[in-house]
Amino acid sequence: MKNEKRDYGGRNVPVNVAAHIMGKSPHFVRIGLQRGILPIGIAFKTSARNEQYDYYISPRLLADFTGCSITLGDEQDSIVRTKTLISSNCEEDKNE
């Protein structure tokens, strides 16, 4: 494998982070997951009565799909715990 550094820890990659890595919009990623077109995770409805979805994006599947090495970290806020992108090593980034 080209990229050896991978730290997944079974965590979920946020939609906006996946979109940034892919060079696409978060909307693109959400629709791709809802339609089952993007092989990086799943989208499921939270209730049959509404159109709200929850998303799970696998760090390993995203790394395999994009060819990037992805490391996620936790950032502690006073109330909200969020996941942030620590590093992303993509082949495209090396050419810039």
PDB file of N, CA and C in Angstrom:
ATOM      1  N   MET A   1       0.827  -1.180   0.000  1.00  0.00           N
ATOM      2  CA  MET A   1       0.000   0.000   0.000  1.00  0.00           C
ATOM      3  C   MET A   1       0.872   1.246   0.000  1.00  0.00           C
ATOM      4  N   LYS A   2       0.421   2.261  -0.691  1.00  0.00           N
ATOM      5  CA  LYS A   2       1.181   3.496  -0.797  1.00  0.00           C
ATOM      6  C   LYS A   2       1.230   4.238   0.519  1.00  0.00           C
ATOM      7  N   ASN A   3       0.113   4.344   1.211  1.00  0.00           N
ATOM      8  CA  ASN A   3       0.030   5.094   2.462  1.00  0.00           C
ATOM      9  C   ASN A   3      -0.018   4.136   3.636  1.00  0.00           C
ATOM     10  N   GLU A   4       1.026   4.151   4.423  1.00  0.00           N
ATOM     11  CA  GLU A   4       1.118   3.219   5.538  1.00  0.00           C
ATOM     12  C   GLU A   4       0.459   3.737   6.807  1.00  0.00           C
ATOM     13  N   LYS A   5       0.456   5.052   7.032  1.00  0.00           N
ATOM     14  CA  LYS A   5      -0.055   5.618   8.280  1.00  0.00           C
ATOM     15  C   LYS A   5      -1.574   5.663   8.267  1.00  0.00           C
ATOM     16  N   ARG A   6      -2.190   4.868   9.143  1.00  0.00           N
ATOM     17  CA  ARG A   6      -3.647   4.857   9.250  1.00  0.00           C
ATOM     18  C   ARG A   6      -4.020   4.678  10.712  1.00  0.00           C
ATOM     19  N   ASP A   7      -4.826   5.586  11.218  1.00  0.00           N
ATOM     20  CA  ASP A   7      -5.288   5.518  12.600  1.00  0.00           C
ATOM     21  C   ASP A   7      -6.802   5.669  12.577  1.00  0.00           C
ATOM     22  N   TYR A   8      -7.505   4.540  12.586  1.00  0.00           N
ATOM     23  CA  TYR A   8      -8.955   4.593  12.448  1.00  0.00           C
ATOM     24  C   TYR A   8      -9.664   4.554  13.794  1.00  0.00           C
ATOM     25  N   GLY A   9      -9.345   3.600  14.613  1.00  0.00           N
ATOM     26  CA  GLY A   9      -9.971   3.500  15.916  1.00  0.00           C
ATOM     27  C   GLY A   9     -11.472   3.274  15.872  1.00  0.00           C
ATOM     28  N   GLY A  10     -12.021   2.834  14.739  1.00  0.00           N
ATOM     29  CA  GLY A  10     -13.450   2.579  14.637  1.00  0.00           C
ATOM     30  C   GLY A  10     -14.306   3.820  14.683  1.00  0.00           C
ATOM     31  N   ARG A  11     -13.727   4.971  14.442  1.00  0.00           N
ATOM     32  CA  ARG A  11     -14.460   6.237  14.550  1.00  0.00           C
ATOM     33  C   ARG A  11     -15.202   6.566  13.266  1.00  0.00           C
ATOM     34  N   ASN A  12     -16.138   7.437  13.411  1.00  0.00           N
ATOM     35  CA  ASN A  12     -16.918   7.958  12.297  1.00  0.00           C
ATOM     36  C   ASN A  12     -16.228   9.207  11.748  1.00  0.00           C
ATOM     37  N   VAL A  13     -16.122   9.289  10.427  1.00  0.00           N
ATOM     38  CA  VAL A  13     -15.593  10.497   9.800  1.00  0.00           C
ATOM     39  C   VAL A  13     -16.775  11.433   9.558  1.00  0.00           C
ATOM     40  N   PRO A  14     -16.737  12.662  10.039  1.00  0.00           N
ATOM     41  CA  PRO A  14     -17.831  13.601   9.782  1.00  0.00           C
ATOM     42  C   PRO A  14     -17.994  13.864   8.283  1.00  0.00           C
ATOM     43  N   VAL A  15     -19.224  14.125   7.876  1.00  0.00           N
ATOM     44  CA  VAL A  15     -19.527  14.357   6.465  1.00  0.00           C
ATOM     45  C   VAL A  15     -18.679  15.504   5.906  1.00  0.00           C
ATOM     46  N   ASN A  16     -18.539  16.600   6.652  1.00  0.00           N
ATOM     47  CA  ASN A  16     -17.778  17.738   6.133  1.00  0.00           C
ATOM     48  C   ASN A  16     -16.299  17.415   5.963  1.00  0.00           C
ATOM     49  N   VAL A  17     -15.753  16.551   6.811  1.00  0.00           N
ATOM     50  CA  VAL A  17     -14.356  16.146   6.682  1.00  0.00           C
ATOM     51  C   VAL A  17     -14.190  15.247   5.458  1.00  0.00           C
ATOM     52  N   ALA A  18     -15.098  14.299   5.271  1.00  0.00           N
ATOM     53  CA  ALA A  18     -15.046  13.428   4.095  1.00  0.00           C
ATOM     54  C   ALA A  18     -15.170  14.252   2.817  1.00  0.00           C
ATOM     55  N   ALA A  19     -16.059  15.235   2.822  1.00  0.00           N
ATOM     56  CA  ALA A  19     -16.241  16.095   1.655  1.00  0.00           C
ATOM     57  C   ALA A  19     -14.956  16.863   1.344  1.00  0.00           C
ATOM     58  N   HIS A  20     -14.313  17.382   2.369  1.00  0.00           N
ATOM     59  CA  HIS A  20     -13.061  18.121   2.178  1.00  0.00           C
ATOM     60  C   HIS A  20     -11.995  17.217   1.564  1.00  0.00           C
ATOM     61  N   ILE A  21     -11.854  16.013   2.082  1.00  0.00           N
ATOM     62  CA  ILE A  21     -10.862  15.076   1.575  1.00  0.00           C
ATOM     63  C   ILE A  21     -11.140  14.726   0.114  1.00  0.00           C
ATOM     64  N   MET A  22     -12.422  14.573  -0.220  1.00  0.00           N
ATOM     65  CA  MET A  22     -12.801  14.194  -1.577  1.00  0.00           C
ATOM     66  C   MET A  22     -12.829  15.375  -2.539  1.00  0.00           C
ATOM     67  N   GLY A  23     -12.769  16.593  -2.013  1.00  0.00           N
ATOM     68  CA  GLY A  23     -12.858  17.773  -2.865  1.00  0.00           C
ATOM     69  C   GLY A  23     -14.267  17.999  -3.391  1.00  0.00           C
ATOM     70  N   LYS A  24     -15.244  17.570  -2.607  1.00  0.00           N
ATOM     71  CA  LYS A  24     -16.654  17.702  -2.980  1.00  0.00           C
ATOM     72  C   LYS A  24     -17.395  18.437  -1.880  1.00  0.00           C
ATOM     73  N   SER A  25     -18.678  18.720  -2.124  1.00  0.00           N
ATOM     74  CA  SER A  25     -19.491  19.386  -1.116  1.00  0.00           C
ATOM     75  C   SER A  25     -20.064  18.348  -0.144  1.00  0.00           C
ATOM     76  N   PRO A  26     -20.403  18.780   1.078  1.00  0.00           N
ATOM     77  CA  PRO A  26     -21.067  17.866   2.003  1.00  0.00           C
ATOM     78  C   PRO A  26     -22.378  17.313   1.422  1.00  0.00           C
ATOM     79  N   HIS A  27     -23.088  18.129   0.650  1.00  0.00           N
ATOM     80  CA  HIS A  27     -24.331  17.685   0.016  1.00  0.00           C
ATOM     81  C   HIS A  27     -24.066  16.509  -0.927  1.00  0.00           C
ATOM     82  N   PHE A  28     -22.994  16.579  -1.700  1.00  0.00           N
ATOM     83  CA  PHE A  28     -22.602  15.494  -2.600  1.00  0.00           C
ATOM     84  C   PHE A  28     -22.411  14.192  -1.820  1.00  0.00           C
ATOM     85  N   VAL A  29     -21.701  14.280  -0.691  1.00  0.00           N
ATOM     86  CA  VAL A  29     -21.428  13.094   0.124  1.00  0.00           C
ATOM     87  C   VAL A  29     -22.728  12.545   0.714  1.00  0.00           C
ATOM     88  N   ARG A  30     -23.585  13.406   1.240  1.00  0.00           N
ATOM     89  CA  ARG A  30     -24.847  12.949   1.832  1.00  0.00           C
ATOM     90  C   ARG A  30     -25.721  12.229   0.807  1.00  0.00           C
ATOM     91  N   ILE A  31     -25.887  12.840  -0.377  1.00  0.00           N
ATOM     92  CA  ILE A  31     -26.728  12.235  -1.408  1.00  0.00           C
ATOM     93  C   ILE A  31     -26.108  10.930  -1.894  1.00  0.00           C
ATOM     94  N   GLY A  32     -24.801  10.906  -2.069  1.00  0.00           N
ATOM     95  CA  GLY A  32     -24.121   9.678  -2.488  1.00  0.00           C
ATOM     96  C   GLY A  32     -24.318   8.541  -1.503  1.00  0.00           C
ATOM     97  N   LEU A  33     -24.287   8.854  -0.213  1.00  0.00           N
ATOM     98  CA  LEU A  33     -24.520   7.833   0.814  1.00  0.00           C
ATOM     99  C   LEU A  33     -25.989   7.411   0.844  1.00  0.00           C
ATOM    100  N   GLN A  34     -26.898   8.370   0.723  1.00  0.00           N
ATOM    101  CA  GLN A  34     -28.329   8.042   0.732  1.00  0.00           C
ATOM    102  C   GLN A  34     -28.697   7.128  -0.425  1.00  0.00           C
ATOM    103  N   ARG A  35     -28.092   7.339  -1.579  1.00  0.00           N
ATOM    104  CA  ARG A  35     -28.404   6.544  -2.770  1.00  0.00           C
ATOM    105  C   ARG A  35     -27.569   5.279  -2.880  1.00  0.00           C
ATOM    106  N   GLY A  36     -26.635   5.087  -1.951  1.00  0.00           N
ATOM    107  CA  GLY A  36     -25.803   3.894  -1.975  1.00  0.00           C
ATOM    108  C   GLY A  36     -24.755   3.908  -3.078  1.00  0.00           C
ATOM    109  N   ILE A  37     -24.414   5.092  -3.577  1.00  0.00           N
ATOM    110  CA  ILE A  37     -23.457   5.221  -4.672  1.00  0.00           C
ATOM    111  C   ILE A  37     -22.021   5.298  -4.158  1.00  0.00           C
ATOM    112  N   LEU A  38     -21.805   5.959  -3.038  1.00  0.00           N
ATOM    113  CA  LEU A  38     -20.467   6.098  -2.476  1.00  0.00           C
ATOM    114  C   LEU A  38     -20.180   4.914  -1.541  1.00  0.00           C
ATOM    115  N   PRO A  39     -19.139   4.145  -1.821  1.00  0.00           N
ATOM    116  CA  PRO A  39     -18.832   2.970  -0.998  1.00  0.00           C
ATOM    117  C   PRO A  39     -17.965   3.301   0.214  1.00  0.00           C
ATOM    118  N   ILE A  40     -18.325   4.360   0.937  1.00  0.00           N
ATOM    119  CA  ILE A  40     -17.505   4.797   2.065  1.00  0.00           C
ATOM    120  C   ILE A  40     -18.237   4.695   3.396  1.00  0.00           C
ATOM    121  N   GLY A  41     -19.504   4.327   3.383  1.00  0.00           N
ATOM    122  CA  GLY A  41     -20.280   4.246   4.617  1.00  0.00           C
ATOM    123  C   GLY A  41     -21.746   4.028   4.314  1.00  0.00           C
ATOM    124  N   ILE A  42     -22.579   4.416   5.282  1.00  0.00           N
ATOM    125  CA  ILE A  42     -24.017   4.205   5.134  1.00  0.00           C
ATOM    126  C   ILE A  42     -24.795   5.439   5.575  1.00  0.00           C
ATOM    127  N   ALA A  43     -26.017   5.545   5.068  1.00  0.00           N
ATOM    128  CA  ALA A  43     -26.965   6.568   5.501  1.00  0.00           C
ATOM    129  C   ALA A  43     -28.256   5.843   5.839  1.00  0.00           C
ATOM    130  N   PHE A  44     -28.863   6.203   6.943  1.00  0.00           N
ATOM    131  CA  PHE A  44     -30.148   5.591   7.277  1.00  0.00           C
ATOM    132  C   PHE A  44     -31.081   6.632   7.864  1.00  0.00           C
ATOM    133  N   LYS A  45     -32.358   6.449   7.567  1.00  0.00           N
ATOM    134  CA  LYS A  45     -33.369   7.382   8.071  1.00  0.00           C
ATOM    135  C   LYS A  45     -33.525   7.199   9.567  1.00  0.00           C
ATOM    136  N   THR A  46     -33.642   8.323  10.257  1.00  0.00           N
ATOM    137  CA  THR A  46     -33.819   8.258  11.704  1.00  0.00           C
ATOM    138  C   THR A  46     -35.253   7.954  12.081  1.00  0.00           C
ATOM    139  N   SER A  47     -36.182   8.230  11.156  1.00  0.00           N
ATOM    140  CA  SER A  47     -37.589   7.955  11.403  1.00  0.00           C
ATOM    141  C   SER A  47     -38.291   7.778  10.070  1.00  0.00           C
ATOM    142  N   ALA A  48     -39.257   6.916  10.013  1.00  0.00           N
ATOM    143  CA  ALA A  48     -40.015   6.696   8.777  1.00  0.00           C
ATOM    144  C   ALA A  48     -40.898   7.890   8.448  1.00  0.00           C
ATOM    145  N   ARG A  49     -41.177   8.720   9.446  1.00  0.00           N
ATOM    146  CA  ARG A  49     -42.077   9.863   9.242  1.00  0.00           C
ATOM    147  C   ARG A  49     -41.393  11.085   8.651  1.00  0.00           C
ATOM    148  N   ASN A  50     -40.073  11.138   8.701  1.00  0.00           N
ATOM    149  CA  ASN A  50     -39.406  12.342   8.192  1.00  0.00           C
ATOM    150  C   ASN A  50     -38.264  11.971   7.252  1.00  0.00           C
ATOM    151  N   GLU A  51     -37.621  12.970   6.747  1.00  0.00           N
ATOM    152  CA  GLU A  51     -36.538  12.774   5.790  1.00  0.00           C
ATOM    153  C   GLU A  51     -35.157  13.007   6.412  1.00  0.00           C
ATOM    154  N   GLN A  52     -35.044  12.882   7.726  1.00  0.00           N
ATOM    155  CA  GLN A  52     -33.750  13.070   8.365  1.00  0.00           C
ATOM    156  C   GLN A  52     -32.946  11.775   8.309  1.00  0.00           C
ATOM    157  N   TYR A  53     -31.644  11.933   8.070  1.00  0.00           N
ATOM    158  CA  TYR A  53     -30.738  10.793   7.971  1.00  0.00           C
ATOM    159  C   TYR A  53     -29.620  10.923   8.989  1.00  0.00           C
ATOM    160  N   ASP A  54     -29.088   9.794   9.400  1.00  0.00           N
ATOM    161  CA  ASP A  54     -27.830   9.717  10.134  1.00  0.00           C
ATOM    162  C   ASP A  54     -26.827   9.091   9.187  1.00  0.00           C
ATOM    163  N   TYR A  55     -25.560   9.453   9.346  1.00  0.00           N
ATOM    164  CA  TYR A  55     -24.520   8.979   8.444  1.00  0.00           C
ATOM    165  C   TYR A  55     -23.394   8.341   9.240  1.00  0.00           C
ATOM    166  N   TYR A  56     -22.861   7.256   8.704  1.00  0.00           N
ATOM    167  CA  TYR A  56     -21.627   6.679   9.224  1.00  0.00           C
ATOM    168  C   TYR A  56     -20.675   6.555   8.054  1.00  0.00           C
ATOM    169  N   ILE A  57     -19.521   7.202   8.175  1.00  0.00           N
ATOM    170  CA  ILE A  57     -18.479   7.100   7.157  1.00  0.00           C
ATOM    171  C   ILE A  57     -17.288   6.413   7.802  1.00  0.00           C
ATOM    172  N   SER A  58     -16.911   5.285   7.244  1.00  0.00           N
ATOM    173  CA  SER A  58     -15.801   4.495   7.748  1.00  0.00           C
ATOM    174  C   SER A  58     -14.475   5.125   7.345  1.00  0.00           C
ATOM    175  N   PRO A  59     -13.594   5.375   8.299  1.00  0.00           N
ATOM    176  CA  PRO A  59     -12.282   5.917   7.944  1.00  0.00           C
ATOM    177  C   PRO A  59     -11.521   4.993   6.984  1.00  0.00           C
ATOM    178  N   ARG A  60     -11.610   3.691   7.210  1.00  0.00           N
ATOM    179  CA  ARG A  60     -10.889   2.752   6.349  1.00  0.00           C
ATOM    180  C   ARG A  60     -11.452   2.770   4.922  1.00  0.00           C
ATOM    181  N   LEU A  61     -12.787   2.732   4.798  1.00  0.00           N
ATOM    182  CA  LEU A  61     -13.388   2.752   3.464  1.00  0.00           C
ATOM    183  C   LEU A  61     -13.097   4.067   2.743  1.00  0.00           C
ATOM    184  N   LEU A  62     -13.124   5.182   3.480  1.00  0.00           N
ATOM    185  CA  LEU A  62     -12.814   6.472   2.882  1.00  0.00           C
ATOM    186  C   LEU A  62     -11.363   6.516   2.415  1.00  0.00           C
ATOM    187  N   ALA A  63     -10.456   6.013   3.229  1.00  0.00           N
ATOM    188  CA  ALA A  63      -9.037   5.992   2.859  1.00  0.00           C
ATOM    189  C   ALA A  63      -8.811   5.112   1.632  1.00  0.00           C
ATOM    190  N   ASP A  64      -9.453   3.958   1.609  1.00  0.00           N
ATOM    191  CA  ASP A  64      -9.307   3.063   0.459  1.00  0.00           C
ATOM    192  C   ASP A  64      -9.886   3.688  -0.805  1.00  0.00           C
ATOM    193  N   PHE A  65     -11.022   4.348  -0.679  1.00  0.00           N
ATOM    194  CA  PHE A  65     -11.705   4.955  -1.825  1.00  0.00           C
ATOM    195  C   PHE A  65     -10.921   6.141  -2.393  1.00  0.00           C
ATOM    196  N   THR A  66     -10.338   6.954  -1.513  1.00  0.00           N
ATOM    197  CA  THR A  66      -9.663   8.170  -1.953  1.00  0.00           C
ATOM    198  C   THR A  66      -8.162   8.005  -2.142  1.00  0.00           C
ATOM    199  N   GLY A  67      -7.584   6.955  -1.566  1.00  0.00           N
ATOM    200  CA  GLY A  67      -6.132   6.793  -1.618  1.00  0.00           C
ATOM    201  C   GLY A  67      -5.411   7.676  -0.629  1.00  0.00           C
ATOM    202  N   CYS A  68      -6.127   8.181   0.360  1.00  0.00           N
ATOM    203  CA  CYS A  68      -5.563   9.076   1.374  1.00  0.00           C
ATOM    204  C   CYS A  68      -5.282   8.318   2.657  1.00  0.00           C
ATOM    205  N   SER A  69      -4.299   8.783   3.385  1.00  0.00           N
ATOM    206  CA  SER A  69      -4.054   8.315   4.733  1.00  0.00           C
ATOM    207  C   SER A  69      -4.743   9.299   5.668  1.00  0.00           C
ATOM    208  N   ILE A  70      -5.617   8.802   6.532  1.00  0.00           N
ATOM    209  CA  ILE A  70      -6.459   9.669   7.349  1.00  0.00           C
ATOM    210  C   ILE A  70      -6.209   9.399   8.824  1.00  0.00           C
ATOM    211  N   THR A  71      -5.998  10.464   9.584  1.00  0.00           N
ATOM    212  CA  THR A  71      -5.874  10.361  11.032  1.00  0.00           C
ATOM    213  C   THR A  71      -6.891  11.299  11.650  1.00  0.00           C
ATOM    214  N   LEU A  72      -7.752  10.757  12.503  1.00  0.00           N
ATOM    215  CA  LEU A  72      -8.762  11.558  13.191  1.00  0.00           C
ATOM    216  C   LEU A  72      -8.366  11.740  14.645  1.00  0.00           C
ATOM    217  N   GLY A  73      -8.761  12.866  15.219  1.00  0.00           N
ATOM    218  CA  GLY A  73      -8.523  13.115  16.628  1.00  0.00           C
ATOM    219  C   GLY A  73      -9.752  13.702  17.265  1.00  0.00           C
ATOM    220  N   ASP A  74      -9.805  13.689  18.570  1.00  0.00           N
ATOM    221  CA  ASP A  74     -10.925  14.272  19.305  1.00  0.00           C
ATOM    222  C   ASP A  74     -10.533  15.638  19.820  1.00  0.00           C
ATOM    223  N   GLU A  75     -11.448  16.566  19.683  1.00  0.00           N
ATOM    224  CA  GLU A  75     -11.258  17.911  20.211  1.00  0.00           C
ATOM    225  C   GLU A  75     -12.316  18.119  21.287  1.00  0.00           C
ATOM    226  N   GLN A  76     -11.902  18.425  22.489  1.00  0.00           N
ATOM    227  CA  GLN A  76     -12.826  18.555  23.600  1.00  0.00           C
ATOM    228  C   GLN A  76     -13.263  20.004  23.759  1.00  0.00           C
ATOM    229  N   ASP A  77     -14.553  20.229  23.664  1.00  0.00           N
ATOM    230  CA  ASP A  77     -15.135  21.537  23.923  1.00  0.00           C
ATOM    231  C   ASP A  77     -15.816  21.433  25.285  1.00  0.00           C
ATOM    232  N   SER A  78     -16.252  22.542  25.838  1.00  0.00           N
ATOM    233  CA  SER A  78     -16.877  22.498  27.152  1.00  0.00           C
ATOM    234  C   SER A  78     -18.158  21.666  27.141  1.00  0.00           C
ATOM    235  N   ILE A  79     -18.861  21.629  26.027  1.00  0.00           N
ATOM    236  CA  ILE A  79     -20.107  20.883  25.966  1.00  0.00           C
ATOM    237  C   ILE A  79     -20.058  19.798  24.889  1.00  0.00           C
ATOM    238  N   VAL A  80     -19.527  20.123  23.743  1.00  0.00           N
ATOM    239  CA  VAL A  80     -19.598  19.241  22.592  1.00  0.00           C
ATOM    240  C   VAL A  80     -18.240  18.613  22.314  1.00  0.00           C
ATOM    241  N   ARG A  81     -18.249  17.330  22.081  1.00  0.00           N
ATOM    242  CA  ARG A  81     -17.035  16.629  21.685  1.00  0.00           C
ATOM    243  C   ARG A  81     -17.113  16.408  20.184  1.00  0.00           C
ATOM    244  N   THR A  82     -16.170  16.936  19.442  1.00  0.00           N
ATOM    245  CA  THR A  82     -16.205  16.823  17.994  1.00  0.00           C
ATOM    246  C   THR A  82     -14.961  16.113  17.494  1.00  0.00           C
ATOM    247  N   LYS A  83     -15.083  15.549  16.337  1.00  0.00           N
ATOM    248  CA  LYS A  83     -13.946  14.898  15.710  1.00  0.00           C
ATOM    249  C   LYS A  83     -13.360  15.851  14.677  1.00  0.00           C
ATOM    250  N   THR A  84     -12.042  15.962  14.676  1.00  0.00           N
ATOM    251  CA  THR A  84     -11.377  16.842  13.734  1.00  0.00           C
ATOM    252  C   THR A  84     -10.383  16.041  12.909  1.00  0.00           C
ATOM    253  N   LEU A  85     -10.106  16.538  11.749  1.00  0.00           N
ATOM    254  CA  LEU A  85      -9.128  15.920  10.877  1.00  0.00           C
ATOM    255  C   LEU A  85      -7.750  16.378  11.318  1.00  0.00           C
ATOM    256  N   ILE A  86      -6.921  15.453  11.764  1.00  0.00           N
ATOM    257  CA  ILE A  86      -5.566  15.793  12.163  1.00  0.00           C
ATOM    258  C   ILE A  86      -4.673  15.841  10.934  1.00  0.00           C
ATOM    259  N   SER A  87      -4.793  14.834  10.093  1.00  0.00           N
ATOM    260  CA  SER A  87      -3.986  14.845   8.881  1.00  0.00           C
ATOM    261  C   SER A  87      -4.659  14.026   7.807  1.00  0.00           C
ATOM    262  N   SER A  88      -4.361  14.403   6.582  1.00  0.00           N
ATOM    263  CA  SER A  88      -4.824  13.678   5.415  1.00  0.00           C
ATOM    264  C   SER A  88      -3.694  13.728   4.404  1.00  0.00           C
ATOM    265  N   ASN A  89      -3.179  12.593   4.044  1.00  0.00           N
ATOM    266  CA  ASN A  89      -2.069  12.527   3.123  1.00  0.00           C
ATOM    267  C   ASN A  89      -2.565  11.900   1.840  1.00  0.00           C
ATOM    268  N   CYS A  90      -2.857  12.730   0.842  1.00  0.00           N
ATOM    269  CA  CYS A  90      -3.383  12.250  -0.426  1.00  0.00           C
ATOM    270  C   CYS A  90      -2.335  12.381  -1.507  1.00  0.00           C
ATOM    271  N   GLU A  91      -2.416  11.525  -2.491  1.00  0.00           N
ATOM    272  CA  GLU A  91      -1.514  11.608  -3.630  1.00  0.00           C
ATOM    273  C   GLU A  91      -1.651  12.953  -4.318  1.00  0.00           C
ATOM    274  N   GLU A  92      -2.885  13.488  -4.415  1.00  0.00           N
ATOM    275  CA  GLU A  92      -3.103  14.774  -5.069  1.00  0.00           C
ATOM    276  C   GLU A  92      -2.388  15.900  -4.340  1.00  0.00           C
ATOM    277  N   ASP A  93      -2.342  15.833  -2.991  1.00  0.00           N
ATOM    278  CA  ASP A  93      -1.686  16.879  -2.205  1.00  0.00           C
ATOM    279  C   ASP A  93      -0.198  16.935  -2.494  1.00  0.00           C
ATOM    280  N   LYS A  94       0.413  15.804  -2.822  1.00  0.00           N
ATOM    281  CA  LYS A  94       1.847  15.766  -3.078  1.00  0.00           C
ATOM    282  C   LYS A  94       2.203  16.458  -4.380  1.00  0.00           C
ATOM    283  N   ASN A  95       1.262  16.491  -5.317  1.00  0.00           N
ATOM    284  CA  ASN A  95       1.532  17.087  -6.615  1.00  0.00           C
ATOM    285  C   ASN A  95       1.370  18.592  -6.627  1.00  0.00           C
ATOM    286  N   GLU A  96       0.809  19.169  -5.582  1.00  0.00           N
ATOM    287  CA  GLU A  96       0.555  20.608  -5.552  1.00  0.00           C
ATOM    288  C   GLU A  96       1.791  21.379  -5.159  1.00  0.00           C
TER     289      GLU A  96
END
